[in-house]
């Protein structure tokens, strides 16, 4: 489902240069620029998201890039975000995640993943919006703790929290294309196609 937000869209020519580049990239990858155009209403928030979160946390290097890309792609798949899946798949491949792992994300416990990756993906399933009772219980903590320090687990949890919060935001504000399987479609959406 394509986005149909009620928020005002800022035309490309009125966006700051960095957002114009993001607009171009979004058009090339998605054929849609809704998220960037709406973010143009508040460039400071866009800058925070891109720089403070992505540059200072997500891509900080404190956690292996392949790992955070796998977690992000798993959450995008679970949440049914078509926009996210396209971008996150490209980023995962760029980070060196093999296509075989991307293809096996739905059954990661039996897929070609390390024990560390499997534990992080299990944590992602606990953090997903579709799991309101999800929890880092003692068994999952013990499983993760073999591979990650408490500081790394805290950072991984914060990354997932921001990603999940952003997923809720972009769905609630209808800023991105969703997959027909998305559990967060507006009431009545997809009924014509039998979804």
N, C-alpha and C. Protein backbone atom coordinates (compact mmCIF):
# COMPACT_ATOMS: atom_id res chain seq x y z
N UNK A 1 0.84 -1.18 0.00
CA UNK A 1 0.00 0.00 0.00
C UNK A 1 0.88 1.24 0.00
N UNK A 2 0.60 2.13 -0.91
CA UNK A 2 1.38 3.36 -0.99
C UNK A 2 0.92 4.34 0.08
N UNK A 3 1.81 5.23 0.51
CA UNK A 3 1.46 6.17 1.58
C UNK A 3 0.45 7.22 1.13
N UNK A 4 -0.37 7.63 2.07
CA UNK A 4 -1.37 8.67 1.82
C UNK A 4 -1.50 9.52 3.08
N UNK A 5 -0.43 10.21 3.42
CA UNK A 5 -0.38 10.98 4.66
C UNK A 5 -1.16 12.28 4.55
N UNK A 6 -1.76 12.74 5.65
CA UNK A 6 -2.42 14.04 5.62
C UNK A 6 -1.44 15.20 5.82
N UNK A 7 -0.20 14.91 6.18
CA UNK A 7 0.77 15.97 6.44
C UNK A 7 1.22 16.64 5.14
N UNK A 8 1.61 17.89 5.26
CA UNK A 8 2.10 18.64 4.10
C UNK A 8 3.43 18.08 3.63
N UNK A 9 3.61 18.08 2.32
CA UNK A 9 4.87 17.64 1.70
C UNK A 9 5.63 18.87 1.22
N UNK A 10 6.90 18.90 1.51
CA UNK A 10 7.76 19.99 1.07
C UNK A 10 8.36 19.58 -0.27
N UNK A 11 8.15 20.39 -1.32
CA UNK A 11 8.70 20.04 -2.64
C UNK A 11 10.23 19.95 -2.61
N UNK A 12 10.77 19.11 -3.47
CA UNK A 12 12.21 18.88 -3.51
C UNK A 12 13.00 20.18 -3.56
N UNK A 13 12.59 21.11 -4.40
CA UNK A 13 13.36 22.34 -4.59
C UNK A 13 13.39 23.21 -3.33
N UNK A 14 12.51 22.96 -2.37
CA UNK A 14 12.50 23.74 -1.13
C UNK A 14 13.22 23.02 0.02
N UNK A 15 13.72 21.83 -0.25
CA UNK A 15 14.44 21.07 0.77
C UNK A 15 15.89 21.52 0.85
N UNK A 16 16.53 21.40 2.02
CA UNK A 16 17.97 21.66 2.11
C UNK A 16 18.74 20.67 1.23
N UNK A 17 19.97 20.99 0.85
CA UNK A 17 20.73 20.14 -0.07
C UNK A 17 20.84 18.67 0.36
N UNK A 18 21.07 18.40 1.66
CA UNK A 18 21.20 17.01 2.09
C UNK A 18 19.88 16.26 1.93
N UNK A 19 18.78 16.95 2.13
CA UNK A 19 17.47 16.32 1.97
C UNK A 19 17.12 16.16 0.49
N UNK A 20 17.62 17.04 -0.36
CA UNK A 20 17.43 16.86 -1.79
C UNK A 20 18.14 15.59 -2.26
N UNK A 21 19.33 15.34 -1.71
CA UNK A 21 20.05 14.10 -2.05
C UNK A 21 19.26 12.88 -1.54
N UNK A 22 18.70 12.99 -0.35
CA UNK A 22 17.88 11.89 0.18
C UNK A 22 16.62 11.71 -0.66
N UNK A 23 16.04 12.80 -1.13
CA UNK A 23 14.86 12.74 -2.00
C UNK A 23 15.22 11.97 -3.27
N UNK A 24 16.37 12.32 -3.88
CA UNK A 24 16.80 11.65 -5.11
C UNK A 24 17.01 10.15 -4.87
N UNK A 25 17.65 9.81 -3.76
CA UNK A 25 17.90 8.40 -3.45
C UNK A 25 16.59 7.66 -3.20
N UNK A 26 15.66 8.30 -2.52
CA UNK A 26 14.37 7.67 -2.24
C UNK A 26 13.58 7.46 -3.53
N UNK A 27 13.63 8.42 -4.42
CA UNK A 27 12.93 8.28 -5.69
C UNK A 27 13.54 7.13 -6.51
N UNK A 28 14.87 7.06 -6.51
CA UNK A 28 15.54 6.00 -7.28
C UNK A 28 15.25 4.61 -6.72
N UNK A 29 15.23 4.48 -5.41
CA UNK A 29 15.06 3.16 -4.79
C UNK A 29 13.60 2.76 -4.64
N UNK A 30 12.75 3.73 -4.28
CA UNK A 30 11.37 3.41 -3.92
C UNK A 30 10.32 3.92 -4.91
N UNK A 31 10.70 4.90 -5.72
CA UNK A 31 9.70 5.54 -6.57
C UNK A 31 8.73 6.38 -5.76
N UNK A 32 9.11 6.72 -4.54
CA UNK A 32 8.25 7.50 -3.65
C UNK A 32 9.15 8.32 -2.72
N UNK A 33 8.72 9.53 -2.43
CA UNK A 33 9.53 10.43 -1.60
C UNK A 33 8.74 11.00 -0.43
N UNK A 34 7.63 10.38 -0.09
CA UNK A 34 6.75 10.91 0.96
C UNK A 34 7.50 11.18 2.26
N UNK A 35 8.27 10.20 2.73
CA UNK A 35 8.95 10.35 4.02
C UNK A 35 9.87 11.57 4.02
N UNK A 36 10.67 11.73 2.98
CA UNK A 36 11.60 12.85 2.91
C UNK A 36 10.84 14.17 2.79
N UNK A 37 9.81 14.20 1.97
CA UNK A 37 9.05 15.45 1.79
C UNK A 37 8.36 15.88 3.08
N UNK A 38 7.80 14.94 3.82
CA UNK A 38 7.15 15.29 5.09
C UNK A 38 8.21 15.69 6.12
N UNK A 39 9.34 15.00 6.12
CA UNK A 39 10.43 15.37 7.03
C UNK A 39 10.93 16.78 6.74
N UNK A 40 10.74 17.24 5.51
CA UNK A 40 11.14 18.59 5.15
C UNK A 40 10.42 19.67 5.96
N UNK A 41 9.32 19.31 6.61
CA UNK A 41 8.65 20.25 7.50
C UNK A 41 9.48 20.54 8.75
N UNK A 42 10.41 19.65 9.08
CA UNK A 42 11.24 19.82 10.28
C UNK A 42 12.64 19.25 10.03
N UNK A 43 13.47 19.96 9.26
CA UNK A 43 14.80 19.45 8.91
C UNK A 43 15.67 19.11 10.11
N UNK A 44 15.46 19.78 11.25
CA UNK A 44 16.26 19.48 12.43
C UNK A 44 15.99 18.06 12.93
N UNK A 45 14.74 17.63 12.89
CA UNK A 45 14.41 16.27 13.31
C UNK A 45 14.98 15.26 12.32
N UNK A 46 14.93 15.60 11.04
CA UNK A 46 15.53 14.74 10.01
C UNK A 46 17.03 14.58 10.30
N UNK A 47 17.68 15.69 10.59
CA UNK A 47 19.11 15.67 10.87
C UNK A 47 19.40 14.82 12.11
N UNK A 48 18.58 14.95 13.16
CA UNK A 48 18.78 14.13 14.36
C UNK A 48 18.71 12.65 14.00
N UNK A 49 17.69 12.28 13.26
CA UNK A 49 17.49 10.87 12.90
C UNK A 49 18.66 10.34 12.08
N UNK A 50 19.07 11.09 11.09
CA UNK A 50 20.13 10.64 10.19
C UNK A 50 21.51 10.69 10.85
N UNK A 51 21.76 11.73 11.63
CA UNK A 51 23.10 11.91 12.18
C UNK A 51 23.23 11.36 13.60
N UNK A 52 22.40 11.82 14.52
CA UNK A 52 22.55 11.38 15.91
C UNK A 52 22.25 9.89 16.04
N UNK A 53 21.15 9.42 15.46
CA UNK A 53 20.85 8.00 15.59
C UNK A 53 21.72 7.15 14.66
N UNK A 54 21.62 7.40 13.36
CA UNK A 54 22.32 6.50 12.45
C UNK A 54 23.84 6.62 12.53
N UNK A 55 24.38 7.81 12.48
CA UNK A 55 25.84 7.94 12.46
C UNK A 55 26.47 7.67 13.83
N UNK A 56 25.85 8.19 14.90
CA UNK A 56 26.47 8.08 16.22
C UNK A 56 26.13 6.78 16.95
N UNK A 57 25.05 6.13 16.57
CA UNK A 57 24.66 4.90 17.26
C UNK A 57 24.66 3.71 16.31
N UNK A 58 23.77 3.69 15.33
CA UNK A 58 23.60 2.52 14.47
C UNK A 58 24.90 2.14 13.77
N UNK A 59 25.57 3.12 13.18
CA UNK A 59 26.81 2.86 12.45
C UNK A 59 28.06 3.22 13.26
N UNK A 60 27.97 3.22 14.58
CA UNK A 60 29.10 3.63 15.43
C UNK A 60 30.27 2.65 15.37
N UNK A 61 30.00 1.39 15.04
CA UNK A 61 31.04 0.38 15.02
C UNK A 61 31.19 -0.35 16.35
N UNK A 62 30.44 0.06 17.36
CA UNK A 62 30.49 -0.66 18.63
C UNK A 62 29.86 -2.04 18.51
N UNK A 63 28.91 -2.17 17.60
CA UNK A 63 28.32 -3.47 17.26
C UNK A 63 28.65 -3.73 15.79
N UNK A 64 28.91 -4.97 15.46
CA UNK A 64 29.26 -5.32 14.09
C UNK A 64 28.15 -4.86 13.14
N UNK A 65 28.56 -4.22 12.06
CA UNK A 65 27.57 -3.67 11.12
C UNK A 65 26.66 -4.76 10.55
N UNK A 66 27.21 -5.89 10.20
CA UNK A 66 26.37 -6.98 9.66
C UNK A 66 25.28 -7.35 10.65
N UNK A 67 25.61 -7.36 11.93
CA UNK A 67 24.64 -7.74 12.96
C UNK A 67 23.49 -6.73 13.03
N UNK A 68 23.82 -5.45 13.08
CA UNK A 68 22.74 -4.46 13.19
C UNK A 68 21.91 -4.41 11.91
N UNK A 69 22.54 -4.67 10.77
CA UNK A 69 21.78 -4.72 9.52
C UNK A 69 20.82 -5.92 9.51
N UNK A 70 21.27 -7.07 10.01
CA UNK A 70 20.39 -8.24 10.09
C UNK A 70 19.20 -7.97 11.00
N UNK A 71 19.47 -7.37 12.15
CA UNK A 71 18.41 -7.06 13.11
C UNK A 71 17.42 -6.08 12.49
N UNK A 72 17.94 -5.04 11.84
CA UNK A 72 17.06 -4.04 11.23
C UNK A 72 16.20 -4.67 10.15
N UNK A 73 16.79 -5.52 9.32
CA UNK A 73 16.03 -6.17 8.26
C UNK A 73 14.99 -7.15 8.83
N UNK A 74 15.34 -7.85 9.89
CA UNK A 74 14.37 -8.75 10.53
C UNK A 74 13.16 -7.95 11.03
N UNK A 75 13.40 -6.84 11.69
CA UNK A 75 12.29 -6.01 12.18
C UNK A 75 11.45 -5.47 11.03
N UNK A 76 12.09 -5.05 9.95
CA UNK A 76 11.35 -4.55 8.79
C UNK A 76 10.47 -5.64 8.20
N UNK A 77 10.99 -6.87 8.15
CA UNK A 77 10.21 -7.99 7.64
C UNK A 77 9.01 -8.28 8.53
N UNK A 78 9.24 -8.36 9.82
CA UNK A 78 8.17 -8.66 10.77
C UNK A 78 7.10 -7.57 10.72
N UNK A 79 7.53 -6.32 10.61
CA UNK A 79 6.59 -5.20 10.60
C UNK A 79 5.90 -5.01 9.26
N UNK A 80 6.40 -5.62 8.20
CA UNK A 80 5.76 -5.52 6.89
C UNK A 80 5.95 -4.18 6.20
N UNK A 81 7.13 -3.60 6.37
CA UNK A 81 7.43 -2.30 5.77
C UNK A 81 8.15 -2.51 4.43
N UNK A 82 7.44 -2.32 3.33
CA UNK A 82 8.03 -2.49 1.99
C UNK A 82 9.16 -1.49 1.76
N UNK A 83 8.93 -0.25 2.14
CA UNK A 83 9.92 0.82 2.02
C UNK A 83 11.19 0.42 2.76
N UNK A 84 11.03 0.00 4.01
CA UNK A 84 12.18 -0.39 4.84
C UNK A 84 12.89 -1.60 4.26
N UNK A 85 12.13 -2.58 3.82
CA UNK A 85 12.73 -3.81 3.30
C UNK A 85 13.64 -3.54 2.10
N UNK A 86 13.21 -2.68 1.20
CA UNK A 86 14.05 -2.37 0.04
C UNK A 86 15.37 -1.74 0.48
N UNK A 87 15.27 -0.70 1.30
CA UNK A 87 16.47 0.01 1.73
C UNK A 87 17.34 -0.86 2.63
N UNK A 88 16.72 -1.60 3.54
CA UNK A 88 17.48 -2.40 4.49
C UNK A 88 18.15 -3.60 3.82
N UNK A 89 17.51 -4.16 2.80
CA UNK A 89 18.14 -5.25 2.05
C UNK A 89 19.38 -4.74 1.34
N UNK A 90 19.28 -3.59 0.69
CA UNK A 90 20.44 -3.00 0.01
C UNK A 90 21.56 -2.72 1.00
N UNK A 91 21.22 -2.16 2.16
CA UNK A 91 22.23 -1.85 3.17
C UNK A 91 22.87 -3.12 3.73
N UNK A 92 22.06 -4.16 3.93
CA UNK A 92 22.60 -5.43 4.44
C UNK A 92 23.58 -6.04 3.44
N UNK A 93 23.20 -6.05 2.18
CA UNK A 93 24.10 -6.58 1.15
C UNK A 93 25.40 -5.77 1.10
N UNK A 94 25.27 -4.46 1.18
CA UNK A 94 26.45 -3.59 1.17
C UNK A 94 27.35 -3.87 2.37
N UNK A 95 26.76 -4.26 3.50
CA UNK A 95 27.53 -4.56 4.71
C UNK A 95 28.14 -5.96 4.68
N UNK A 96 27.86 -6.71 3.62
CA UNK A 96 28.44 -8.04 3.51
C UNK A 96 27.55 -9.17 3.98
N UNK A 97 26.29 -8.88 4.26
CA UNK A 97 25.36 -9.94 4.63
C UNK A 97 25.07 -10.76 3.38
N UNK A 98 25.29 -12.07 3.41
CA UNK A 98 25.04 -12.89 2.23
C UNK A 98 23.54 -12.99 1.92
N UNK A 99 23.22 -13.09 0.65
CA UNK A 99 21.82 -13.24 0.23
C UNK A 99 21.17 -14.45 0.91
N UNK A 100 21.95 -15.50 1.14
CA UNK A 100 21.39 -16.70 1.79
C UNK A 100 20.86 -16.38 3.18
N UNK A 101 21.53 -15.49 3.90
CA UNK A 101 21.03 -15.09 5.22
C UNK A 101 19.76 -14.25 5.09
N UNK A 102 19.76 -13.34 4.14
CA UNK A 102 18.57 -12.51 3.93
C UNK A 102 17.38 -13.39 3.61
N UNK A 103 17.60 -14.38 2.75
CA UNK A 103 16.51 -15.29 2.36
C UNK A 103 16.04 -16.17 3.51
N UNK A 104 16.89 -16.39 4.51
CA UNK A 104 16.56 -17.31 5.61
C UNK A 104 16.08 -16.59 6.87
N UNK A 105 15.87 -15.29 6.81
CA UNK A 105 15.50 -14.55 8.02
C UNK A 105 14.21 -15.03 8.67
N UNK A 106 13.26 -15.49 7.89
CA UNK A 106 11.99 -15.95 8.47
C UNK A 106 12.17 -17.19 9.34
N UNK A 107 13.22 -17.95 9.10
CA UNK A 107 13.49 -19.17 9.87
C UNK A 107 14.95 -19.15 10.33
N UNK A 108 15.34 -18.04 10.97
CA UNK A 108 16.74 -17.84 11.30
C UNK A 108 17.31 -18.90 12.25
N UNK A 109 16.48 -19.48 13.11
CA UNK A 109 16.99 -20.50 14.04
C UNK A 109 17.55 -21.71 13.29
N UNK A 110 17.02 -21.99 12.10
CA UNK A 110 17.49 -23.11 11.29
C UNK A 110 18.31 -22.65 10.09
N UNK A 111 18.63 -21.37 10.03
CA UNK A 111 19.32 -20.82 8.87
C UNK A 111 20.82 -20.70 9.07
N UNK A 112 21.50 -20.13 8.07
CA UNK A 112 22.97 -20.03 8.07
C UNK A 112 23.47 -18.84 8.89
N UNK A 113 23.14 -18.84 10.18
CA UNK A 113 23.52 -17.73 11.06
C UNK A 113 24.40 -18.25 12.19
N UNK A 114 25.26 -17.38 12.67
CA UNK A 114 26.07 -17.73 13.85
C UNK A 114 25.16 -17.74 15.08
N UNK A 115 25.65 -18.32 16.16
CA UNK A 115 24.87 -18.32 17.40
C UNK A 115 24.64 -16.89 17.90
N UNK A 116 25.62 -16.02 17.72
CA UNK A 116 25.46 -14.62 18.12
C UNK A 116 24.35 -13.96 17.31
N UNK A 117 24.35 -14.18 16.01
CA UNK A 117 23.31 -13.60 15.15
C UNK A 117 21.94 -14.15 15.52
N UNK A 118 21.86 -15.44 15.77
CA UNK A 118 20.57 -16.04 16.15
C UNK A 118 20.05 -15.45 17.45
N UNK A 119 20.94 -15.24 18.41
CA UNK A 119 20.48 -14.66 19.68
C UNK A 119 20.02 -13.22 19.50
N UNK A 120 20.71 -12.45 18.67
CA UNK A 120 20.29 -11.07 18.41
C UNK A 120 18.96 -11.03 17.66
N UNK A 121 18.77 -11.94 16.72
CA UNK A 121 17.51 -12.01 15.98
C UNK A 121 16.37 -12.45 16.90
N UNK A 122 16.65 -13.34 17.84
CA UNK A 122 15.63 -13.74 18.82
C UNK A 122 15.25 -12.54 19.69
N UNK A 123 16.23 -11.72 20.04
CA UNK A 123 15.95 -10.50 20.80
C UNK A 123 15.10 -9.54 19.97
N UNK A 124 15.40 -9.45 18.68
CA UNK A 124 14.60 -8.59 17.79
C UNK A 124 13.14 -9.04 17.78
N UNK A 125 12.92 -10.34 17.78
CA UNK A 125 11.54 -10.84 17.81
C UNK A 125 10.83 -10.45 19.10
N UNK A 126 11.57 -10.37 20.19
CA UNK A 126 10.97 -9.92 21.46
C UNK A 126 10.66 -8.43 21.42
N UNK A 127 11.45 -7.66 20.70
CA UNK A 127 11.27 -6.21 20.63
C UNK A 127 10.25 -5.77 19.59
N UNK A 128 9.91 -6.64 18.67
CA UNK A 128 9.03 -6.27 17.55
C UNK A 128 7.68 -5.75 18.03
N UNK A 129 7.13 -4.82 17.28
CA UNK A 129 5.81 -4.25 17.60
C UNK A 129 4.72 -5.31 17.62
N UNK A 130 4.92 -6.37 16.89
CA UNK A 130 3.92 -7.44 16.82
C UNK A 130 3.94 -8.32 18.06
N UNK A 131 4.86 -8.08 18.97
CA UNK A 131 5.00 -8.89 20.18
C UNK A 131 4.87 -7.99 21.42
N UNK A 132 3.65 -7.57 21.76
CA UNK A 132 3.49 -6.62 22.86
C UNK A 132 3.91 -7.19 24.22
N UNK A 133 4.01 -8.49 24.34
CA UNK A 133 4.46 -9.10 25.60
C UNK A 133 5.92 -9.55 25.54
N UNK A 134 6.62 -9.13 24.49
CA UNK A 134 8.01 -9.52 24.33
C UNK A 134 8.86 -9.06 25.50
N UNK A 135 9.85 -9.89 25.84
CA UNK A 135 10.67 -9.59 27.00
C UNK A 135 12.04 -10.24 26.89
N UNK A 136 13.02 -9.56 27.41
CA UNK A 136 14.34 -10.15 27.57
C UNK A 136 14.30 -10.93 28.88
N UNK A 137 13.87 -12.17 28.80
CA UNK A 137 13.81 -12.98 30.02
C UNK A 137 15.20 -13.54 30.32
N UNK A 138 15.32 -14.24 31.43
CA UNK A 138 16.64 -14.73 31.86
C UNK A 138 17.23 -15.74 30.87
N UNK A 139 16.38 -16.54 30.26
CA UNK A 139 16.89 -17.53 29.30
C UNK A 139 17.47 -16.84 28.06
N UNK A 140 16.75 -15.85 27.52
CA UNK A 140 17.26 -15.13 26.36
C UNK A 140 18.48 -14.30 26.73
N UNK A 141 18.45 -13.70 27.92
CA UNK A 141 19.62 -12.96 28.39
C UNK A 141 20.85 -13.87 28.44
N UNK A 142 20.69 -15.05 29.02
CA UNK A 142 21.82 -15.99 29.11
C UNK A 142 22.32 -16.37 27.72
N UNK A 143 21.40 -16.56 26.81
CA UNK A 143 21.77 -16.90 25.43
C UNK A 143 22.55 -15.76 24.78
N UNK A 144 22.07 -14.54 24.95
CA UNK A 144 22.73 -13.36 24.37
C UNK A 144 24.05 -13.05 25.07
N UNK A 145 24.10 -13.25 26.38
CA UNK A 145 25.26 -12.84 27.18
C UNK A 145 26.51 -13.62 26.82
N UNK A 146 26.35 -14.78 26.22
CA UNK A 146 27.50 -15.56 25.74
C UNK A 146 28.26 -14.77 24.67
N UNK A 147 27.55 -13.92 23.94
CA UNK A 147 28.13 -13.23 22.78
C UNK A 147 28.29 -11.72 22.96
N UNK A 148 27.51 -11.15 23.88
CA UNK A 148 27.48 -9.69 24.02
C UNK A 148 27.64 -9.27 25.48
N UNK A 149 28.34 -8.17 25.68
CA UNK A 149 28.43 -7.59 27.02
C UNK A 149 27.09 -6.93 27.35
N UNK A 150 26.90 -6.59 28.61
CA UNK A 150 25.67 -5.88 28.97
C UNK A 150 25.59 -4.54 28.25
N UNK A 151 26.72 -3.87 28.07
CA UNK A 151 26.73 -2.59 27.34
C UNK A 151 26.29 -2.80 25.89
N UNK A 152 26.77 -3.86 25.27
CA UNK A 152 26.37 -4.15 23.89
C UNK A 152 24.89 -4.52 23.81
N UNK A 153 24.40 -5.28 24.77
CA UNK A 153 22.98 -5.64 24.79
C UNK A 153 22.12 -4.40 24.99
N UNK A 154 22.56 -3.51 25.87
CA UNK A 154 21.81 -2.27 26.08
C UNK A 154 21.76 -1.45 24.80
N UNK A 155 22.90 -1.33 24.12
CA UNK A 155 22.94 -0.59 22.87
C UNK A 155 22.09 -1.26 21.79
N UNK A 156 22.19 -2.57 21.69
CA UNK A 156 21.37 -3.30 20.72
C UNK A 156 19.89 -3.10 21.01
N UNK A 157 19.52 -3.16 22.28
CA UNK A 157 18.13 -2.91 22.66
C UNK A 157 17.68 -1.50 22.32
N UNK A 158 18.54 -0.51 22.54
CA UNK A 158 18.19 0.87 22.20
C UNK A 158 18.04 1.04 20.69
N UNK A 159 18.92 0.41 19.92
CA UNK A 159 18.80 0.47 18.47
C UNK A 159 17.46 -0.11 18.04
N UNK A 160 17.11 -1.26 18.57
CA UNK A 160 15.83 -1.89 18.23
C UNK A 160 14.66 -1.02 18.67
N UNK A 161 14.77 -0.39 19.83
CA UNK A 161 13.69 0.46 20.33
C UNK A 161 13.45 1.64 19.39
N UNK A 162 14.53 2.27 18.92
CA UNK A 162 14.37 3.39 17.99
C UNK A 162 13.79 2.90 16.67
N UNK A 163 14.29 1.77 16.17
CA UNK A 163 13.76 1.23 14.92
C UNK A 163 12.27 0.89 15.04
N UNK A 164 11.89 0.27 16.15
CA UNK A 164 10.48 -0.08 16.35
C UNK A 164 9.62 1.17 16.53
N UNK A 165 10.14 2.14 17.26
CA UNK A 165 9.40 3.39 17.43
C UNK A 165 9.23 4.12 16.10
N UNK A 166 10.28 4.12 15.30
CA UNK A 166 10.18 4.74 13.97
C UNK A 166 9.19 3.98 13.10
N UNK A 167 9.17 2.66 13.21
CA UNK A 167 8.20 1.87 12.43
C UNK A 167 6.78 2.29 12.80
N UNK A 168 6.51 2.40 14.08
CA UNK A 168 5.17 2.82 14.51
C UNK A 168 4.85 4.22 13.97
N UNK A 169 5.81 5.11 14.06
CA UNK A 169 5.64 6.48 13.59
C UNK A 169 5.35 6.52 12.09
N UNK A 170 6.17 5.85 11.29
CA UNK A 170 5.98 5.93 9.84
C UNK A 170 4.70 5.23 9.39
N UNK A 171 4.26 4.23 10.15
CA UNK A 171 2.98 3.58 9.83
C UNK A 171 1.82 4.46 10.27
N UNK A 172 1.87 4.99 11.50
CA UNK A 172 0.77 5.81 12.02
C UNK A 172 0.58 7.08 11.20
N UNK A 173 1.67 7.66 10.73
CA UNK A 173 1.60 8.88 9.93
C UNK A 173 1.49 8.58 8.44
N UNK A 174 1.48 7.31 8.07
CA UNK A 174 1.34 6.85 6.69
C UNK A 174 2.38 7.50 5.77
N UNK A 175 3.64 7.29 6.12
CA UNK A 175 4.75 7.92 5.40
C UNK A 175 5.47 7.01 4.43
N UNK A 176 5.20 5.70 4.50
CA UNK A 176 5.94 4.75 3.67
C UNK A 176 5.02 3.68 3.11
N UNK A 177 5.50 3.02 2.07
CA UNK A 177 4.77 1.91 1.48
C UNK A 177 4.84 0.70 2.40
N UNK A 178 3.70 0.06 2.58
CA UNK A 178 3.62 -1.13 3.41
C UNK A 178 3.36 -2.36 2.54
N UNK A 179 3.80 -3.51 3.03
CA UNK A 179 3.55 -4.77 2.35
C UNK A 179 2.11 -5.20 2.64
N UNK A 180 1.50 -5.97 1.76
CA UNK A 180 0.14 -6.46 2.05
C UNK A 180 0.07 -7.25 3.36
N UNK A 181 1.19 -7.83 3.77
CA UNK A 181 1.24 -8.60 5.02
C UNK A 181 1.42 -7.74 6.26
N UNK A 182 1.56 -6.44 6.08
CA UNK A 182 1.79 -5.54 7.21
C UNK A 182 0.64 -5.62 8.21
N UNK A 183 0.92 -5.90 9.47
CA UNK A 183 -0.15 -5.97 10.46
C UNK A 183 -0.65 -4.60 10.91
N UNK A 184 -0.09 -3.54 10.36
CA UNK A 184 -0.45 -2.19 10.78
C UNK A 184 -1.12 -1.39 9.68
N UNK A 185 -1.86 -2.07 8.81
CA UNK A 185 -2.60 -1.38 7.76
C UNK A 185 -3.79 -0.67 8.39
N UNK A 186 -4.19 0.48 7.84
CA UNK A 186 -5.37 1.17 8.36
C UNK A 186 -6.61 0.29 8.26
N UNK A 187 -7.58 0.53 9.11
CA UNK A 187 -8.83 -0.23 9.08
C UNK A 187 -9.43 -0.19 7.68
N UNK A 188 -9.81 -1.35 7.17
CA UNK A 188 -10.43 -1.44 5.85
C UNK A 188 -9.44 -1.51 4.71
N UNK A 189 -8.16 -1.26 4.96
CA UNK A 189 -7.17 -1.31 3.88
C UNK A 189 -6.94 -2.75 3.46
N UNK A 190 -6.77 -2.94 2.18
CA UNK A 190 -6.46 -4.25 1.64
C UNK A 190 -7.66 -5.16 1.47
N UNK A 191 -8.85 -4.71 1.84
CA UNK A 191 -10.02 -5.57 1.72
C UNK A 191 -10.38 -5.86 0.28
N UNK A 192 -10.17 -4.88 -0.59
CA UNK A 192 -10.51 -5.09 -2.00
C UNK A 192 -9.65 -6.19 -2.62
N UNK A 193 -8.41 -6.32 -2.13
CA UNK A 193 -7.53 -7.33 -2.69
C UNK A 193 -7.60 -8.64 -1.92
N UNK A 194 -8.46 -8.70 -0.91
CA UNK A 194 -8.61 -9.92 -0.15
C UNK A 194 -7.60 -10.08 0.96
N UNK A 195 -6.80 -9.05 1.22
CA UNK A 195 -5.79 -9.13 2.28
C UNK A 195 -6.45 -8.96 3.62
